[in-house]
Amino acid sequence: MSLKKKRILIAKPGLDGHDVGAKIIALALRDAGADVIYTGLRRSPDYIVRIAIDEDIDMVGLSILSGSHIELVEDVFVKLREAGADDVKLFVGGTIPKEDHDMLLAAGVTGVFTSEMKIENVIAEIDRQLSSVA
């Protein structure tokens, strides 16, 4: 598994103030070879999309524990499209109820990762998804 030359943005949108999971994913992705940028807490979708474009990101990971995952994902997707960056892949992690997984996947999210999943499986899936990015 190698994520070399892949650029991944890990972001904490909304008002959620807990970022341990985001930091764990960011470090695991970095250890797997990716160039990772972590935005820090409480970032707006506008900010996340601007950084994704400015940094030529291949994939954005949103870490959401606040329960506003559907709205935040939709907002980030809209802003990516408006910015002409709809080729940027997006995954979400955090406290995501199982009944919302299919809705998020149908909206275009490439993966929904929760704390019950093994970190190596999450990294392997992200690697698989990015292996198709030229």
N, C-alpha and C. Protein backbone atom coordinates (compact mmCIF):
# COMPACT_ATOMS: atom_id res chain seq x y z
N MET A 1 0.85 -1.17 0.00
CA MET A 1 0.00 0.00 0.00
C MET A 1 0.90 1.23 0.00
N SER A 2 0.63 2.13 -0.94
CA SER A 2 1.41 3.35 -0.98
C SER A 2 0.54 4.50 -1.45
N LEU A 3 0.48 5.50 -0.65
CA LEU A 3 -0.28 6.70 -1.01
C LEU A 3 0.65 7.82 -1.44
N LYS A 4 1.89 7.46 -1.82
CA LYS A 4 2.86 8.47 -2.23
C LYS A 4 2.30 9.32 -3.36
N LYS A 5 2.60 10.59 -3.28
CA LYS A 5 2.18 11.60 -4.26
C LYS A 5 0.68 11.88 -4.23
N LYS A 6 -0.04 11.34 -3.28
CA LYS A 6 -1.45 11.65 -3.12
C LYS A 6 -1.58 12.71 -2.04
N ARG A 7 -2.43 13.68 -2.31
CA ARG A 7 -2.62 14.80 -1.39
C ARG A 7 -4.02 14.69 -0.79
N ILE A 8 -4.07 14.62 0.54
CA ILE A 8 -5.33 14.42 1.24
C ILE A 8 -5.51 15.52 2.28
N LEU A 9 -6.68 16.10 2.29
CA LEU A 9 -7.04 17.13 3.26
C LEU A 9 -7.99 16.51 4.28
N ILE A 10 -7.64 16.61 5.55
CA ILE A 10 -8.52 16.16 6.62
C ILE A 10 -9.09 17.42 7.27
N ALA A 11 -10.41 17.49 7.34
CA ALA A 11 -11.06 18.71 7.80
C ALA A 11 -12.12 18.43 8.86
N LYS A 12 -12.28 19.37 9.76
CA LYS A 12 -13.29 19.31 10.83
C LYS A 12 -14.29 20.45 10.58
N PRO A 13 -15.34 20.17 9.83
CA PRO A 13 -16.32 21.23 9.56
C PRO A 13 -17.29 21.41 10.72
N GLY A 14 -17.91 22.55 10.76
CA GLY A 14 -18.95 22.79 11.75
C GLY A 14 -18.40 23.13 13.12
N LEU A 15 -19.23 22.97 14.12
CA LEU A 15 -18.91 23.42 15.47
C LEU A 15 -18.30 22.35 16.37
N ASP A 16 -18.15 21.16 15.87
CA ASP A 16 -17.60 20.06 16.64
C ASP A 16 -16.18 20.39 17.10
N GLY A 17 -15.88 20.17 18.36
CA GLY A 17 -14.58 20.50 18.92
C GLY A 17 -13.71 19.31 19.24
N HIS A 18 -14.06 18.12 18.79
CA HIS A 18 -13.30 16.91 19.09
C HIS A 18 -12.55 16.47 17.84
N ASP A 19 -11.22 16.37 17.93
CA ASP A 19 -10.46 16.06 16.73
C ASP A 19 -9.47 14.91 16.85
N VAL A 20 -9.61 14.09 17.87
CA VAL A 20 -8.69 12.97 18.04
C VAL A 20 -8.75 12.03 16.84
N GLY A 21 -9.95 11.66 16.41
CA GLY A 21 -10.10 10.76 15.26
C GLY A 21 -9.51 11.34 13.99
N ALA A 22 -9.73 12.62 13.77
CA ALA A 22 -9.18 13.28 12.58
C ALA A 22 -7.66 13.23 12.60
N LYS A 23 -7.08 13.46 13.77
CA LYS A 23 -5.62 13.43 13.88
C LYS A 23 -5.07 12.02 13.69
N ILE A 24 -5.78 11.03 14.19
CA ILE A 24 -5.36 9.64 14.01
C ILE A 24 -5.35 9.27 12.52
N ILE A 25 -6.42 9.62 11.82
CA ILE A 25 -6.49 9.33 10.38
C ILE A 25 -5.40 10.09 9.63
N ALA A 26 -5.22 11.36 9.97
CA ALA A 26 -4.19 12.16 9.30
C ALA A 26 -2.81 11.53 9.48
N LEU A 27 -2.47 11.10 10.69
CA LEU A 27 -1.18 10.47 10.94
C LEU A 27 -1.05 9.13 10.23
N ALA A 28 -2.11 8.33 10.23
CA ALA A 28 -2.07 7.03 9.56
C ALA A 28 -1.90 7.21 8.04
N LEU A 29 -2.57 8.18 7.47
CA LEU A 29 -2.42 8.46 6.04
C LEU A 29 -1.00 8.93 5.73
N ARG A 30 -0.48 9.79 6.59
CA ARG A 30 0.89 10.26 6.40
C ARG A 30 1.87 9.10 6.50
N ASP A 31 1.66 8.22 7.47
CA ASP A 31 2.54 7.05 7.62
C ASP A 31 2.46 6.12 6.42
N ALA A 32 1.32 6.14 5.72
CA ALA A 32 1.15 5.32 4.52
C ALA A 32 1.72 6.00 3.27
N GLY A 33 2.26 7.22 3.44
CA GLY A 33 2.93 7.89 2.33
C GLY A 33 2.23 9.09 1.75
N ALA A 34 1.02 9.39 2.19
CA ALA A 34 0.28 10.52 1.64
C ALA A 34 0.82 11.84 2.17
N ASP A 35 0.63 12.87 1.38
CA ASP A 35 0.90 14.24 1.82
C ASP A 35 -0.42 14.73 2.43
N VAL A 36 -0.45 14.92 3.73
CA VAL A 36 -1.70 15.21 4.44
C VAL A 36 -1.68 16.63 5.02
N ILE A 37 -2.78 17.30 4.84
CA ILE A 37 -2.99 18.61 5.45
C ILE A 37 -4.18 18.48 6.38
N TYR A 38 -4.01 18.94 7.61
CA TYR A 38 -5.11 18.95 8.58
C TYR A 38 -5.50 20.41 8.82
N THR A 39 -6.78 20.71 8.66
CA THR A 39 -7.23 22.11 8.73
C THR A 39 -7.40 22.64 10.15
N GLY A 40 -7.52 21.75 11.12
CA GLY A 40 -7.85 22.22 12.45
C GLY A 40 -9.36 22.22 12.66
N LEU A 41 -9.77 22.68 13.81
CA LEU A 41 -11.18 22.63 14.22
C LEU A 41 -12.04 23.74 13.62
N ARG A 42 -13.32 23.43 13.52
CA ARG A 42 -14.38 24.39 13.22
C ARG A 42 -14.14 25.18 11.92
N ARG A 43 -13.94 24.46 10.86
CA ARG A 43 -13.71 25.09 9.56
C ARG A 43 -15.00 25.09 8.75
N SER A 44 -15.22 26.15 8.03
CA SER A 44 -16.41 26.26 7.20
C SER A 44 -16.21 25.47 5.90
N PRO A 45 -17.30 25.03 5.27
CA PRO A 45 -17.16 24.39 3.97
C PRO A 45 -16.44 25.28 2.94
N ASP A 46 -16.67 26.58 2.98
CA ASP A 46 -15.96 27.49 2.08
C ASP A 46 -14.45 27.40 2.28
N TYR A 47 -14.02 27.42 3.52
CA TYR A 47 -12.61 27.34 3.85
C TYR A 47 -12.03 26.00 3.38
N ILE A 48 -12.73 24.91 3.66
CA ILE A 48 -12.27 23.57 3.29
C ILE A 48 -12.08 23.48 1.78
N VAL A 49 -13.04 23.96 1.02
CA VAL A 49 -12.95 23.89 -0.44
C VAL A 49 -11.82 24.79 -0.95
N ARG A 50 -11.66 25.96 -0.38
CA ARG A 50 -10.58 26.86 -0.80
C ARG A 50 -9.21 26.20 -0.59
N ILE A 51 -9.02 25.58 0.58
CA ILE A 51 -7.75 24.91 0.86
C ILE A 51 -7.57 23.72 -0.09
N ALA A 52 -8.63 22.97 -0.33
CA ALA A 52 -8.55 21.81 -1.24
C ALA A 52 -8.09 22.25 -2.63
N ILE A 53 -8.61 23.36 -3.11
CA ILE A 53 -8.23 23.85 -4.43
C ILE A 53 -6.82 24.43 -4.41
N ASP A 54 -6.54 25.28 -3.43
CA ASP A 54 -5.21 25.91 -3.34
C ASP A 54 -4.10 24.88 -3.21
N GLU A 55 -4.36 23.77 -2.54
CA GLU A 55 -3.34 22.76 -2.27
C GLU A 55 -3.39 21.59 -3.25
N ASP A 56 -4.24 21.68 -4.29
CA ASP A 56 -4.34 20.64 -5.32
C ASP A 56 -4.56 19.26 -4.69
N ILE A 57 -5.60 19.17 -3.89
CA ILE A 57 -5.93 17.98 -3.12
C ILE A 57 -6.61 16.93 -4.00
N ASP A 58 -6.26 15.66 -3.77
CA ASP A 58 -6.90 14.54 -4.47
C ASP A 58 -8.17 14.09 -3.75
N MET A 59 -8.16 14.20 -2.42
CA MET A 59 -9.27 13.69 -1.63
C MET A 59 -9.41 14.50 -0.35
N VAL A 60 -10.67 14.74 0.03
CA VAL A 60 -10.98 15.42 1.29
C VAL A 60 -11.66 14.42 2.21
N GLY A 61 -11.22 14.40 3.44
CA GLY A 61 -11.87 13.61 4.48
C GLY A 61 -12.48 14.54 5.50
N LEU A 62 -13.78 14.43 5.70
CA LEU A 62 -14.48 15.24 6.70
C LEU A 62 -14.70 14.40 7.95
N SER A 63 -14.27 14.90 9.08
CA SER A 63 -14.49 14.24 10.36
C SER A 63 -15.60 14.98 11.08
N ILE A 64 -16.72 14.29 11.29
CA ILE A 64 -17.91 14.96 11.84
C ILE A 64 -18.50 14.13 12.98
N LEU A 65 -18.60 14.75 14.12
CA LEU A 65 -19.19 14.10 15.29
C LEU A 65 -20.45 14.83 15.76
N SER A 66 -20.79 15.91 15.11
CA SER A 66 -21.84 16.80 15.60
C SER A 66 -23.26 16.41 15.20
N GLY A 67 -23.40 15.45 14.29
CA GLY A 67 -24.73 15.08 13.82
C GLY A 67 -25.19 15.86 12.60
N SER A 68 -24.39 16.80 12.14
CA SER A 68 -24.78 17.61 10.97
C SER A 68 -24.07 17.13 9.70
N HIS A 69 -23.75 15.85 9.65
CA HIS A 69 -22.97 15.29 8.55
C HIS A 69 -23.65 15.43 7.19
N ILE A 70 -24.94 15.24 7.12
CA ILE A 70 -25.63 15.31 5.82
C ILE A 70 -25.55 16.73 5.26
N GLU A 71 -25.87 17.71 6.07
CA GLU A 71 -25.84 19.10 5.63
C GLU A 71 -24.43 19.54 5.26
N LEU A 72 -23.45 19.18 6.08
CA LEU A 72 -22.07 19.60 5.81
C LEU A 72 -21.51 18.94 4.55
N VAL A 73 -21.79 17.66 4.37
CA VAL A 73 -21.34 16.97 3.15
C VAL A 73 -21.97 17.61 1.92
N GLU A 74 -23.28 17.85 1.96
CA GLU A 74 -23.95 18.48 0.83
C GLU A 74 -23.34 19.85 0.53
N ASP A 75 -23.07 20.63 1.56
CA ASP A 75 -22.51 21.96 1.38
C ASP A 75 -21.12 21.88 0.75
N VAL A 76 -20.28 20.97 1.21
CA VAL A 76 -18.94 20.83 0.63
C VAL A 76 -19.04 20.39 -0.83
N PHE A 77 -19.91 19.44 -1.14
CA PHE A 77 -20.09 19.02 -2.54
C PHE A 77 -20.53 20.18 -3.43
N VAL A 78 -21.50 20.95 -2.97
CA VAL A 78 -21.99 22.10 -3.76
C VAL A 78 -20.84 23.06 -4.03
N LYS A 79 -20.07 23.37 -3.01
CA LYS A 79 -18.99 24.33 -3.15
C LYS A 79 -17.85 23.78 -4.03
N LEU A 80 -17.59 22.49 -3.96
CA LEU A 80 -16.60 21.89 -4.87
C LEU A 80 -17.06 22.02 -6.31
N ARG A 81 -18.33 21.72 -6.57
CA ARG A 81 -18.87 21.85 -7.93
C ARG A 81 -18.80 23.29 -8.41
N GLU A 82 -19.21 24.22 -7.57
CA GLU A 82 -19.19 25.64 -7.93
C GLU A 82 -17.78 26.11 -8.26
N ALA A 83 -16.79 25.52 -7.60
CA ALA A 83 -15.39 25.91 -7.81
C ALA A 83 -14.75 25.13 -8.96
N GLY A 84 -15.51 24.25 -9.61
CA GLY A 84 -14.96 23.46 -10.70
C GLY A 84 -14.05 22.35 -10.23
N ALA A 85 -14.21 21.93 -9.00
CA ALA A 85 -13.34 20.89 -8.42
C ALA A 85 -14.14 19.65 -8.07
N ASP A 86 -15.11 19.30 -8.89
CA ASP A 86 -15.94 18.15 -8.58
C ASP A 86 -15.22 16.82 -8.82
N ASP A 87 -13.95 16.87 -9.25
CA ASP A 87 -13.15 15.65 -9.38
C ASP A 87 -12.47 15.27 -8.06
N VAL A 88 -12.54 16.13 -7.07
CA VAL A 88 -11.96 15.84 -5.75
C VAL A 88 -12.86 14.84 -5.05
N LYS A 89 -12.28 13.74 -4.62
CA LYS A 89 -13.05 12.72 -3.91
C LYS A 89 -13.26 13.15 -2.47
N LEU A 90 -14.35 12.64 -1.87
CA LEU A 90 -14.72 13.04 -0.52
C LEU A 90 -15.14 11.83 0.29
N PHE A 91 -14.54 11.67 1.48
CA PHE A 91 -15.00 10.64 2.40
C PHE A 91 -15.36 11.30 3.72
N VAL A 92 -16.12 10.59 4.52
CA VAL A 92 -16.56 11.14 5.80
C VAL A 92 -16.32 10.10 6.89
N GLY A 93 -15.98 10.60 8.06
CA GLY A 93 -15.78 9.72 9.20
C GLY A 93 -16.31 10.39 10.45
N GLY A 94 -16.47 9.58 11.47
CA GLY A 94 -16.95 10.12 12.74
C GLY A 94 -18.15 9.37 13.24
N THR A 95 -19.04 10.10 13.87
CA THR A 95 -20.27 9.52 14.41
C THR A 95 -21.36 9.65 13.35
N ILE A 96 -21.42 8.65 12.50
CA ILE A 96 -22.37 8.65 11.38
C ILE A 96 -23.31 7.47 11.59
N PRO A 97 -24.60 7.74 11.85
CA PRO A 97 -25.55 6.63 12.04
C PRO A 97 -25.61 5.73 10.81
N LYS A 98 -25.69 4.44 11.05
CA LYS A 98 -25.73 3.45 9.97
C LYS A 98 -26.83 3.77 8.95
N GLU A 99 -27.96 4.27 9.43
CA GLU A 99 -29.06 4.56 8.50
C GLU A 99 -28.76 5.73 7.56
N ASP A 100 -27.70 6.48 7.79
CA ASP A 100 -27.32 7.58 6.91
C ASP A 100 -26.23 7.20 5.91
N HIS A 101 -25.61 6.04 6.07
CA HIS A 101 -24.50 5.65 5.20
C HIS A 101 -24.92 5.61 3.73
N ASP A 102 -26.01 4.93 3.41
CA ASP A 102 -26.44 4.82 2.01
C ASP A 102 -26.76 6.17 1.40
N MET A 103 -27.37 7.05 2.17
CA MET A 103 -27.70 8.38 1.68
C MET A 103 -26.42 9.16 1.34
N LEU A 104 -25.42 9.06 2.20
CA LEU A 104 -24.16 9.76 1.95
C LEU A 104 -23.43 9.17 0.74
N LEU A 105 -23.44 7.85 0.63
CA LEU A 105 -22.82 7.21 -0.53
C LEU A 105 -23.54 7.58 -1.82
N ALA A 106 -24.86 7.64 -1.79
CA ALA A 106 -25.64 8.03 -2.97
C ALA A 106 -25.36 9.48 -3.35
N ALA A 107 -25.03 10.31 -2.38
CA ALA A 107 -24.72 11.72 -2.64
C ALA A 107 -23.34 11.89 -3.27
N GLY A 108 -22.51 10.84 -3.22
CA GLY A 108 -21.20 10.91 -3.86
C GLY A 108 -20.02 10.69 -2.95
N VAL A 109 -20.25 10.52 -1.67
CA VAL A 109 -19.16 10.23 -0.74
C VAL A 109 -18.57 8.87 -1.13
N THR A 110 -17.23 8.78 -1.14
CA THR A 110 -16.60 7.53 -1.55
C THR A 110 -16.49 6.52 -0.43
N GLY A 111 -16.64 6.98 0.81
CA GLY A 111 -16.58 6.07 1.94
C GLY A 111 -17.11 6.71 3.20
N VAL A 112 -17.69 5.90 4.05
CA VAL A 112 -18.15 6.32 5.37
C VAL A 112 -17.41 5.46 6.38
N PHE A 113 -16.56 6.09 7.17
CA PHE A 113 -15.70 5.37 8.11
C PHE A 113 -16.07 5.76 9.53
N THR A 114 -16.26 4.77 10.36
CA THR A 114 -16.64 5.02 11.75
C THR A 114 -15.56 4.49 12.69
N SER A 115 -15.68 4.83 13.95
CA SER A 115 -14.66 4.45 14.93
C SER A 115 -14.59 2.94 15.17
N GLU A 116 -15.60 2.19 14.77
CA GLU A 116 -15.58 0.75 14.93
C GLU A 116 -14.69 0.06 13.91
N MET A 117 -14.31 0.77 12.87
CA MET A 117 -13.51 0.17 11.79
C MET A 117 -12.03 0.16 12.15
N LYS A 118 -11.33 -0.86 11.70
CA LYS A 118 -9.89 -0.93 11.91
C LYS A 118 -9.21 0.11 11.03
N ILE A 119 -8.26 0.81 11.63
CA ILE A 119 -7.58 1.89 10.91
C ILE A 119 -6.89 1.38 9.64
N GLU A 120 -6.32 0.18 9.68
CA GLU A 120 -5.64 -0.34 8.49
C GLU A 120 -6.63 -0.61 7.36
N ASN A 121 -7.87 -0.97 7.69
CA ASN A 121 -8.89 -1.18 6.66
C ASN A 121 -9.32 0.15 6.05
N VAL A 122 -9.42 1.17 6.87
CA VAL A 122 -9.78 2.50 6.37
C VAL A 122 -8.69 3.00 5.42
N ILE A 123 -7.44 2.90 5.82
CA ILE A 123 -6.33 3.36 4.99
C ILE A 123 -6.27 2.56 3.69
N ALA A 124 -6.47 1.25 3.76
CA ALA A 124 -6.46 0.41 2.55
C ALA A 124 -7.57 0.83 1.59
N GLU A 125 -8.74 1.15 2.12
CA GLU A 125 -9.84 1.56 1.25
C GLU A 125 -9.56 2.93 0.61
N ILE A 126 -9.01 3.84 1.36
CA ILE A 126 -8.66 5.15 0.79
C ILE A 126 -7.59 4.96 -0.28
N ASP A 127 -6.62 4.12 -0.03
CA ASP A 127 -5.58 3.82 -1.01
C ASP A 127 -6.20 3.23 -2.29
N ARG A 128 -7.13 2.30 -2.12
CA ARG A 128 -7.80 1.69 -3.28
C ARG A 128 -8.53 2.74 -4.09
N GLN A 129 -9.24 3.63 -3.41
CA GLN A 129 -10.00 4.66 -4.11
C GLN A 129 -9.08 5.62 -4.87
N LEU A 130 -7.96 5.96 -4.25
CA LEU A 130 -7.05 6.91 -4.90
C LEU A 130 -6.16 6.28 -5.96
N SER A 131 -6.10 4.96 -5.99
CA SER A 131 -5.26 4.30 -6.99
C SER A 131 -5.78 4.55 -8.40
N SER A 132 -7.05 4.92 -8.52
CA SER A 132 -7.62 5.21 -9.84
C SER A 132 -7.43 6.67 -10.24
N VAL A 133 -6.90 7.51 -9.34
CA VAL A 133 -6.67 8.91 -9.66
C VAL A 133 -5.35 9.03 -10.38
N ALA A 134 -5.39 9.63 -11.55
CA ALA A 134 -4.16 9.77 -12.35
C ALA A 134 -3.19 10.74 -11.73
